[in-house]
Amino acid sequence: MITKLDNTNKEIADQIFTVFQRSYRIEALIIGALDFPPLSRTIKDIEVSKTQFYGFIEDSCPVAIIEIVKEGRYLEINSLTVLPASFGKGIASKLIRFVLELIDFKIAVVETATATYRQ
């Protein structure tokens, strides 16, 4: 089930933080980042964020989070994270589809990190 998450609630912010930390640690390893800014984000940062959070819920806990900003008809996906135990289940695709069907937008933007190879 996908639901909007109230990030101003400390318990919910802590759940979002946990998903972010577990997921972003894996992403940082994959891309070889020693300093990965998303891992510096605190629970307080999440609590005061003006972005919208939606979670894919299993057994009453979020296993994936999508974070968006909507301004007018401009949609920005700020983050999309899935707990490592739920990788490969299509959950990220379900969250993206959900948001794209929910939000009336003209332009959608998403950015991602990439691995840097040095020789």
C-alpha atoms as a PDB file:
ATOM      1  CA  MET A   1       0.000   0.000   0.000  1.00  0.00           C
ATOM      2  CA  ILE A   2       1.230   3.514  -0.804  1.00  0.00           C
ATOM      3  CA  THR A   3       0.385   6.366   1.541  1.00  0.00           C
ATOM      4  CA  LYS A   4       1.371   9.973   2.148  1.00  0.00           C
ATOM      5  CA  LEU A   5       3.717  10.275   5.111  1.00  0.00           C
ATOM      6  CA  ASP A   6       3.567  13.100   7.661  1.00  0.00           C
ATOM      7  CA  ASN A   7       7.253  13.936   7.933  1.00  0.00           C
ATOM      8  CA  THR A   8       6.511  16.510  10.685  1.00  0.00           C
ATOM      9  CA  ASN A   9       5.696  13.589  12.994  1.00  0.00           C
ATOM     10  CA  LYS A  10       8.964  12.577  14.697  1.00  0.00           C
ATOM     11  CA  GLU A  11       8.172   8.842  14.573  1.00  0.00           C
ATOM     12  CA  ILE A  12       7.412   9.020  10.843  1.00  0.00           C
ATOM     13  CA  ALA A  13      10.503  11.184  10.232  1.00  0.00           C
ATOM     14  CA  ASP A  14      12.558   8.528  12.027  1.00  0.00           C
ATOM     15  CA  GLN A  15      11.103   5.811   9.762  1.00  0.00           C
ATOM     16  CA  ILE A  16      11.906   7.896   6.668  1.00  0.00           C
ATOM     17  CA  PHE A  17      15.427   8.490   7.997  1.00  0.00           C
ATOM     18  CA  THR A  18      15.945   4.754   8.539  1.00  0.00           C
ATOM     19  CA  VAL A  19      14.914   3.881   4.974  1.00  0.00           C
ATOM     20  CA  PHE A  20      17.127   6.680   3.619  1.00  0.00           C
ATOM     21  CA  GLN A  21      20.171   5.603   5.624  1.00  0.00           C
ATOM     22  CA  ARG A  22      19.935   1.923   4.733  1.00  0.00           C
ATOM     23  CA  SER A  23      19.307   2.586   1.060  1.00  0.00           C
ATOM     24  CA  TYR A  24      21.806   5.417   0.604  1.00  0.00           C
ATOM     25  CA  ARG A  25      24.600   3.397   2.253  1.00  0.00           C
ATOM     26  CA  ILE A  26      24.208   0.807  -0.507  1.00  0.00           C
ATOM     27  CA  GLU A  27      24.047   3.498  -3.214  1.00  0.00           C
ATOM     28  CA  ALA A  28      27.208   5.138  -1.871  1.00  0.00           C
ATOM     29  CA  LEU A  29      29.009   1.777  -2.020  1.00  0.00           C
ATOM     30  CA  ILE A  30      27.787   1.077  -5.557  1.00  0.00           C
ATOM     31  CA  ILE A  31      28.961   4.429  -6.916  1.00  0.00           C
ATOM     32  CA  GLY A  32      32.122   4.481  -4.812  1.00  0.00           C
ATOM     33  CA  ALA A  33      31.279   7.719  -3.006  1.00  0.00           C
ATOM     34  CA  LEU A  34      33.273   8.390   0.133  1.00  0.00           C
ATOM     35  CA  ASP A  35      31.301  11.535   0.965  1.00  0.00           C
ATOM     36  CA  PHE A  36      27.640  11.043   0.008  1.00  0.00           C
ATOM     37  CA  PRO A  37      25.533  14.091   1.008  1.00  0.00           C
ATOM     38  CA  PRO A  38      22.205  12.212   1.408  1.00  0.00           C
ATOM     39  CA  LEU A  39      23.765  10.269   4.291  1.00  0.00           C
ATOM     40  CA  SER A  40      24.328  13.564   6.146  1.00  0.00           C
ATOM     41  CA  ARG A  41      20.627  14.329   6.303  1.00  0.00           C
ATOM     42  CA  THR A  42      19.252  14.236   9.848  1.00  0.00           C
ATOM     43  CA  ILE A  43      15.867  13.302  11.273  1.00  0.00           C
ATOM     44  CA  LYS A  44      15.364  16.990  12.061  1.00  0.00           C
ATOM     45  CA  ASP A  45      16.103  17.880   8.411  1.00  0.00           C
ATOM     46  CA  ILE A  46      13.348  15.472   7.387  1.00  0.00           C
ATOM     47  CA  GLU A  47      10.914  16.793  10.020  1.00  0.00           C
ATOM     48  CA  VAL A  48      11.211  20.392   8.812  1.00  0.00           C
ATOM     49  CA  SER A  49      11.327  19.589   5.096  1.00  0.00           C
ATOM     50  CA  LYS A  50       8.613  21.205   2.955  1.00  0.00           C
ATOM     51  CA  THR A  51       8.748  18.327   0.456  1.00  0.00           C
ATOM     52  CA  GLN A  52       6.090  15.619   0.253  1.00  0.00           C
ATOM     53  CA  PHE A  53       6.869  12.035   1.195  1.00  0.00           C
ATOM     54  CA  TYR A  54       5.010   8.908   0.107  1.00  0.00           C
ATOM     55  CA  GLY A  55       5.803   5.476   1.442  1.00  0.00           C
ATOM     56  CA  PHE A  56       5.283   1.936   0.240  1.00  0.00           C
ATOM     57  CA  ILE A  57       4.075   0.226   3.406  1.00  0.00           C
ATOM     58  CA  GLU A  58       4.503  -3.433   4.327  1.00  0.00           C
ATOM     59  CA  ASP A  59       3.630  -4.775   7.791  1.00  0.00           C
ATOM     60  CA  SER A  60       2.857  -1.217   8.987  1.00  0.00           C
ATOM     61  CA  CYS A  61       6.351   0.076   8.115  1.00  0.00           C
ATOM     62  CA  PRO A  62       7.690   1.909   5.076  1.00  0.00           C
ATOM     63  CA  VAL A  63      10.016  -0.202   2.940  1.00  0.00           C
ATOM     64  CA  ALA A  64      10.406   2.484   0.269  1.00  0.00           C
ATOM     65  CA  ILE A  65      10.061   6.261   0.118  1.00  0.00           C
ATOM     66  CA  ILE A  66       9.588   8.745  -2.699  1.00  0.00           C
ATOM     67  CA  GLU A  67      10.116  12.429  -1.930  1.00  0.00           C
ATOM     68  CA  ILE A  68       8.684  15.052  -4.240  1.00  0.00           C
ATOM     69  CA  VAL A  69       8.306  18.793  -4.708  1.00  0.00           C
ATOM     70  CA  LYS A  70       5.390  20.175  -6.683  1.00  0.00           C
ATOM     71  CA  GLU A  71       5.299  23.812  -7.687  1.00  0.00           C
ATOM     72  CA  GLY A  72       2.504  24.631 -10.074  1.00  0.00           C
ATOM     73  CA  ARG A  73       2.724  22.019 -12.826  1.00  0.00           C
ATOM     74  CA  TYR A  74       6.426  21.351 -12.165  1.00  0.00           C
ATOM     75  CA  LEU A  75       7.190  18.061 -10.417  1.00  0.00           C
ATOM     76  CA  GLU A  76      10.590  17.207  -9.020  1.00  0.00           C
ATOM     77  CA  ILE A  77      11.434  13.803  -7.589  1.00  0.00           C
ATOM     78  CA  ASN A  78      14.020  14.561  -4.920  1.00  0.00           C
ATOM     79  CA  SER A  79      14.625  11.028  -3.724  1.00  0.00           C
ATOM     80  CA  LEU A  80      13.511   7.473  -4.246  1.00  0.00           C
ATOM     81  CA  THR A  81      14.814   4.906  -1.796  1.00  0.00           C
ATOM     82  CA  VAL A  82      14.059   1.247  -1.146  1.00  0.00           C
ATOM     83  CA  LEU A  83      15.249  -0.865   1.769  1.00  0.00           C
ATOM     84  CA  PRO A  84      17.884  -3.335   0.549  1.00  0.00           C
ATOM     85  CA  ALA A  85      15.744  -6.306   1.625  1.00  0.00           C
ATOM     86  CA  SER A  86      13.080  -5.092  -0.827  1.00  0.00           C
ATOM     87  CA  PHE A  87      15.363  -4.495  -3.830  1.00  0.00           C
ATOM     88  CA  GLY A  88      14.227  -6.083  -7.080  1.00  0.00           C
ATOM     89  CA  LYS A  89      10.522  -6.289  -6.207  1.00  0.00           C
ATOM     90  CA  GLY A  90       9.356  -3.457  -8.468  1.00  0.00           C
ATOM     91  CA  ILE A  91       8.486  -1.206  -5.533  1.00  0.00           C
ATOM     92  CA  ALA A  92      10.360   1.821  -6.895  1.00  0.00           C
ATOM     93  CA  SER A  93       8.433   1.525 -10.167  1.00  0.00           C
ATOM     94  CA  LYS A  94       5.153   1.371  -8.245  1.00  0.00           C
ATOM     95  CA  LEU A  95       6.035   4.541  -6.318  1.00  0.00           C
ATOM     96  CA  ILE A  96       7.001   6.402  -9.490  1.00  0.00           C
ATOM     97  CA  ARG A  97       3.817   5.296 -11.257  1.00  0.00           C
ATOM     98  CA  PHE A  98       1.739   6.322  -8.225  1.00  0.00           C
ATOM     99  CA  VAL A  99       3.192   9.825  -8.108  1.00  0.00           C
ATOM    100  CA  LEU A 100       2.974  10.346 -11.868  1.00  0.00           C
ATOM    101  CA  GLU A 101      -0.716   9.367 -11.792  1.00  0.00           C
ATOM    102  CA  LEU A 102      -1.473  11.396  -8.639  1.00  0.00           C
ATOM    103  CA  ILE A 103       0.139  14.693  -9.586  1.00  0.00           C
ATOM    104  CA  ASP A 104      -1.043  16.962 -12.400  1.00  0.00           C
ATOM    105  CA  PHE A 105       2.247  18.073 -13.961  1.00  0.00           C
ATOM    106  CA  LYS A 106       3.612  19.381 -17.223  1.00  0.00           C
ATOM    107  CA  ILE A 107       7.315  18.887 -16.495  1.00  0.00           C
ATOM    108  CA  ALA A 108       8.847  16.207 -14.275  1.00  0.00           C
ATOM    109  CA  VAL A 109      12.492  16.193 -13.267  1.00  0.00           C
ATOM    110  CA  VAL A 110      14.632  13.633 -11.485  1.00  0.00           C
ATOM    111  CA  GLU A 111      18.387  13.477 -10.916  1.00  0.00           C
ATOM    112  CA  THR A 112      20.531  10.568  -9.874  1.00  0.00           C
ATOM    113  CA  ALA A 113      24.072   9.923  -8.766  1.00  0.00           C
ATOM    114  CA  THR A 114      26.468   8.040 -11.005  1.00  0.00           C
ATOM    115  CA  ALA A 115      29.658   6.155 -10.446  1.00  0.00           C
ATOM    116  CA  THR A 116      32.882   7.972 -11.240  1.00  0.00           C
ATOM    117  CA  TYR A 117      35.707   5.897 -12.618  1.00  0.00           C
ATOM    118  CA  ARG A 118      39.261   7.085 -12.363  1.00  0.00           C
ATOM    119  CA  GLN A 119      42.248   5.527 -14.008  1.00  0.00           C
END
